[in-house]
Protein backbone atom coordinates (compact mmCIF):
# COMPACT_ATOMS: atom_id res chain seq x y z
CA LYS A 1 73.60 -59.56 57.77
CA LYS A 2 71.58 -57.69 54.80
CA LYS A 3 68.99 -60.09 52.95
CA LYS A 4 69.34 -60.65 49.22
CA LYS A 5 66.51 -59.57 47.13
CA ASN A 6 65.30 -61.66 44.82
CA PRO A 7 65.85 -60.99 41.10
CA SER A 8 62.80 -62.97 40.04
CA SER A 9 60.52 -60.86 42.19
CA THR A 10 61.95 -57.85 41.23
CA ALA A 11 61.39 -58.61 37.44
CA THR A 12 57.90 -59.76 38.49
CA TYR A 13 57.03 -56.56 40.03
CA THR A 14 58.49 -54.44 37.38
CA GLY A 15 56.48 -56.38 34.46
CA ILE A 16 53.40 -55.82 36.34
CA ILE A 17 54.12 -51.80 36.46
CA GLU A 18 54.77 -51.80 32.96
CA GLU A 19 51.90 -53.66 31.82
CA THR A 20 49.70 -51.29 34.25
CA LYS A 21 51.35 -48.05 32.58
CA MET A 22 50.52 -49.72 28.90
CA LYS A 23 46.87 -50.69 29.69
CA PHE A 24 46.49 -47.00 31.53
CA VAL A 25 48.01 -45.23 28.25
CA ALA A 26 45.63 -47.39 26.16
CA ALA A 27 42.67 -46.27 28.21
CA LEU A 28 43.64 -42.43 27.65
CA SER A 29 44.38 -42.82 24.01
CA LEU A 30 40.83 -44.28 23.56
CA LEU A 31 39.11 -41.70 25.66
CA ALA A 32 40.62 -39.07 23.71
CA SER A 33 39.63 -40.78 20.40
CA ALA A 34 36.06 -40.99 21.61
CA SER A 35 36.18 -37.63 22.78
CA ALA A 36 37.36 -36.46 19.36
CA PHE A 37 34.66 -38.08 17.48
CA ALA A 38 31.83 -36.88 19.87
CA PRO A 39 31.81 -33.27 18.92
CA SER A 40 31.62 -34.29 15.09
CA GLN A 41 28.67 -36.19 15.77
CA GLN A 42 26.98 -33.68 17.80
CA SER A 43 27.63 -31.35 15.03
CA ALA A 44 26.35 -33.65 12.40
CA ARG A 45 22.97 -34.10 14.48
CA SER A 46 22.74 -30.02 15.04
CA VAL A 47 23.26 -29.35 11.48
CA THR A 48 20.71 -32.21 10.60
CA SER A 49 18.28 -30.41 13.00
CA LEU A 50 19.04 -27.18 11.69
CA ASN A 51 18.38 -28.18 8.09
CA ALA A 52 15.12 -30.02 9.18
CA GLU A 53 13.96 -26.45 10.57
CA ARG A 54 14.42 -24.70 7.30
CA SER A 55 12.20 -23.27 4.94
CA LYS A 56 11.92 -24.98 1.70
CA SER A 57 11.01 -21.43 -0.23
CA LEU A 58 13.75 -19.51 2.10
CA PRO A 59 16.46 -22.07 3.05
CA PHE A 60 18.34 -19.04 4.96
CA MET A 61 15.31 -18.61 7.19
CA ASN A 62 13.68 -21.28 9.69
CA ARG A 63 10.34 -22.73 8.71
CA PRO A 64 7.45 -21.16 10.37
CA PRO A 65 5.97 -23.52 13.12
CA LEU A 66 2.55 -23.42 11.89
CA LEU A 67 3.47 -24.06 8.14
CA ASP A 68 4.13 -27.98 8.10
CA GLY A 69 3.22 -28.41 4.69
CA SER A 70 -0.12 -29.79 5.24
CA MET A 71 -1.86 -26.94 3.51
CA ALA A 72 -1.71 -27.19 -0.28
CA GLY A 73 0.85 -24.77 -1.80
CA ASP A 74 2.44 -24.50 1.51
CA VAL A 75 6.49 -24.06 1.22
CA GLY A 76 7.14 -22.49 4.29
CA PHE A 77 7.26 -18.90 2.71
CA ASP A 78 6.32 -16.49 5.47
CA PRO A 79 9.03 -13.81 6.00
CA LEU A 80 6.87 -11.45 7.76
CA GLY A 81 5.59 -14.29 10.39
CA LEU A 82 1.85 -13.73 9.49
CA SER A 83 1.22 -17.18 10.03
CA GLN A 84 1.70 -16.65 13.75
CA ILE A 85 -0.90 -13.69 14.14
CA ASP A 86 -3.53 -14.60 16.65
CA GLU A 87 -5.05 -11.40 17.45
CA VAL A 88 -8.44 -9.63 17.04
CA GLY A 89 -10.02 -12.57 15.36
CA ILE A 90 -7.08 -13.16 12.63
CA ASP A 91 -5.31 -16.36 12.77
CA LEU A 92 -4.03 -18.82 10.09
CA TYR A 93 -7.35 -20.25 9.39
CA TRP A 94 -8.70 -16.92 8.64
CA LEU A 95 -5.75 -15.79 6.32
CA ARG A 96 -5.69 -19.14 4.49
CA GLU A 97 -9.72 -18.29 3.63
CA ALA A 98 -8.75 -14.90 2.65
CA GLU A 99 -5.90 -16.14 0.34
CA ILE A 100 -8.02 -18.97 -1.36
CA LYS A 101 -10.96 -16.24 -1.75
CA HIS A 102 -8.66 -13.64 -3.42
CA CYS A 103 -7.02 -16.30 -5.55
CA ARG A 104 -10.54 -17.12 -6.92
CA VAL A 105 -11.38 -13.71 -7.56
CA ALA A 106 -8.49 -12.69 -9.06
CA MET A 107 -8.65 -15.60 -11.51
CA LEU A 108 -11.93 -14.55 -12.55
CA ALA A 109 -11.09 -10.93 -13.08
CA VAL A 110 -7.97 -11.78 -15.39
CA ALA A 111 -10.22 -14.03 -17.42
CA GLY A 112 -12.89 -11.42 -17.57
CA ILE A 113 -10.66 -8.68 -18.77
CA LEU A 114 -9.18 -10.76 -21.45
CA GLN A 115 -12.66 -11.64 -22.46
CA VAL A 116 -13.83 -8.03 -22.71
CA GLU A 117 -10.76 -7.13 -24.79
CA ILE A 118 -11.21 -10.06 -27.08
CA PHE A 119 -15.06 -10.25 -27.43
CA GLY A 120 -16.09 -6.75 -26.48
CA PRO A 121 -18.25 -5.92 -23.78
CA ALA A 122 -21.29 -7.68 -22.56
CA PRO A 123 -24.78 -6.98 -23.60
CA GLY A 124 -26.02 -3.70 -21.91
CA CYS A 125 -22.61 -2.45 -21.56
CA GLU A 126 -21.91 -1.47 -24.94
CA MET A 127 -20.75 2.25 -23.72
CA ALA A 128 -17.63 0.48 -22.24
CA THR A 129 -15.34 1.18 -24.81
CA ALA A 130 -12.36 2.00 -23.27
CA LYS A 131 -9.44 -0.30 -23.40
CA ASN A 132 -8.39 0.48 -19.88
CA GLN A 133 -10.55 -1.45 -17.72
CA MET A 134 -10.75 1.21 -14.98
CA ASP A 135 -11.95 3.87 -17.44
CA ALA A 136 -14.55 1.21 -18.50
CA PHE A 137 -15.83 0.92 -14.81
CA TRP A 138 -16.43 4.56 -15.04
CA GLN A 139 -18.12 4.60 -18.34
CA ILE A 140 -20.40 2.05 -17.02
CA TRP A 141 -21.01 3.96 -13.66
CA ASN A 142 -21.91 7.27 -15.70
CA ALA A 143 -24.33 5.34 -17.96
CA HIS A 144 -25.92 2.46 -15.57
CA PRO A 145 -24.79 3.17 -11.86
CA GLN A 146 -27.46 0.48 -11.08
CA TYR A 147 -25.45 -2.15 -12.50
CA ILE A 148 -22.52 -1.08 -10.18
CA ALA A 149 -24.74 -1.09 -7.14
CA ALA A 150 -26.34 -4.50 -8.13
CA GLY A 151 -22.65 -5.82 -8.07
CA PHE A 152 -21.92 -4.29 -4.66
CA ILE A 153 -25.12 -5.80 -3.28
CA GLY A 154 -24.16 -9.39 -4.49
CA ILE A 155 -20.76 -8.94 -3.21
CA MET A 156 -22.21 -8.14 0.17
CA MET A 157 -24.40 -10.88 0.18
CA ILE A 158 -21.53 -13.39 -0.81
CA GLU A 159 -19.14 -11.81 1.80
CA ALA A 160 -22.21 -12.52 4.54
CA VAL A 161 -22.48 -16.07 3.45
CA SER A 162 -18.44 -16.62 3.49
CA GLY A 163 -18.08 -14.63 6.69
CA ILE A 164 -20.34 -17.02 8.39
CA ALA A 165 -18.98 -20.10 6.83
CA THR A 166 -15.52 -19.08 7.93
CA THR A 167 -16.46 -18.34 11.61
CA THR A 168 -18.51 -21.44 12.27
CA GLY A 169 -15.67 -23.69 10.45
CA ARG A 170 -13.03 -22.21 12.48
CA GLU A 171 -14.99 -22.80 15.65
CA SER A 172 -15.80 -26.45 14.96
CA GLY A 173 -12.75 -27.52 13.04
CA GLU A 174 -15.02 -29.33 10.77
CA ARG A 175 -14.50 -27.20 7.52
CA ALA A 176 -11.48 -26.45 5.54
CA PRO A 177 -10.63 -22.89 4.58
CA GLY A 178 -12.34 -22.21 1.10
CA ASP A 179 -14.43 -25.34 1.04
CA PHE A 180 -18.11 -24.52 0.23
CA GLY A 181 -18.84 -27.97 -0.73
CA LEU A 182 -19.14 -26.76 -4.26
CA ASP A 183 -17.86 -29.58 -6.70
CA PRO A 184 -20.30 -29.88 -9.52
CA LEU A 185 -17.77 -31.85 -11.73
CA GLY A 186 -17.05 -34.17 -9.11
CA PHE A 187 -13.46 -33.63 -8.70
CA LYS A 188 -13.42 -34.84 -4.96
CA LYS A 189 -14.85 -38.28 -6.11
CA GLY A 190 -11.54 -39.17 -7.73
CA SER A 191 -8.16 -40.31 -6.13
CA ALA A 192 -7.23 -38.35 -3.01
CA GLU A 193 -3.57 -37.57 -4.61
CA GLY A 194 -5.16 -36.39 -7.66
CA TYR A 195 -7.44 -33.84 -5.71
CA LYS A 196 -4.39 -32.71 -3.60
CA ARG A 197 -2.83 -32.03 -7.01
CA LEU A 198 -5.72 -30.05 -7.96
CA GLU A 199 -5.75 -27.93 -4.78
CA ALA A 200 -1.96 -27.22 -5.15
CA GLN A 201 -2.77 -26.08 -8.76
CA GLU A 202 -5.69 -23.65 -7.59
CA ILE A 203 -3.37 -22.11 -5.10
CA ALA A 204 -0.71 -21.75 -7.58
CA ASN A 205 -2.52 -20.47 -10.39
CA GLY A 206 -4.47 -18.01 -7.90
CA ARG A 207 -1.38 -16.57 -6.59
CA LEU A 208 0.13 -15.88 -10.14
CA ALA A 209 -3.56 -14.33 -11.10
CA MET A 210 -3.42 -11.73 -8.48
CA PHE A 211 0.01 -10.83 -9.58
CA ALA A 212 -1.42 -10.73 -13.20
CA ALA A 213 -4.56 -8.58 -12.22
CA ALA A 214 -2.71 -6.20 -10.44
CA GLY A 215 -0.41 -5.74 -13.32
CA GLU A 216 -3.33 -5.35 -15.80
CA ILE A 217 -4.71 -2.73 -13.72
CA VAL A 218 -1.80 -0.55 -13.05
CA GLN A 219 -0.37 -1.20 -16.24
CA GLY A 220 -3.61 -0.20 -17.81
CA MET A 221 -3.96 3.11 -16.06
CA THR A 222 -0.33 4.13 -16.87
CA THR A 223 -0.67 3.55 -20.28
CA ASP A 224 -4.36 3.68 -21.18
CA GLU A 225 -3.95 0.34 -23.15
CA GLY A 226 -5.52 -3.08 -22.45
CA ALA A 227 -3.79 -6.05 -21.26
CA LEU A 228 -3.23 -7.35 -24.72
CA GLY A 229 -2.13 -3.99 -26.00
CA ASN A 230 0.49 -3.71 -23.15
CA LEU A 231 1.53 -7.32 -24.26
CA MET A 232 2.20 -6.64 -27.80
CA THR A 233 3.83 -3.12 -27.44
């Protein structure tokens, strides 16, 4: 005789199987949900990391590695990659020294050109009557070449001192680029934040002055007018 199946046992097994299937489906759903959200989170982290490496001045380019914002006026602008040059004695320290030097010279040049146009030539240089400063330079050269020679000798002496300071400062790391310890008005004695603001202003005005000096010279040679004359016409 065949044994009769127990209906209650069959129902119990069926229930266990169904419960197992439901747990398995739930686990798959949870895994699918987690995998669906994981790429978005990873993508968000990638976008955040990418934005953090972008240049402030050129958002479509990555920030140069050495321009981390620690220097005054540093906004990550280096499309030619000059900050990464480290050959024949030229590195970021040397380039920064050169920039500050030219900023200061350009500010003096712009002020000097305007001073001559407004108040006239300095005593002993009365022959420099040309409105264009390049023509005035040659007028002085023709009348008193010793003035120009003395100026060149002074520049050579200043460059010698600057070169020694730059070389020793780069090797020792104890001197910031452009720092000659010259502070007769005691700006460094104030707050650190205030001094940093002054450093940023020096760089900003110096960069503007380099454009201004170049514009005054080129436009003066083109029109034979002074800076103020070109501004008014």
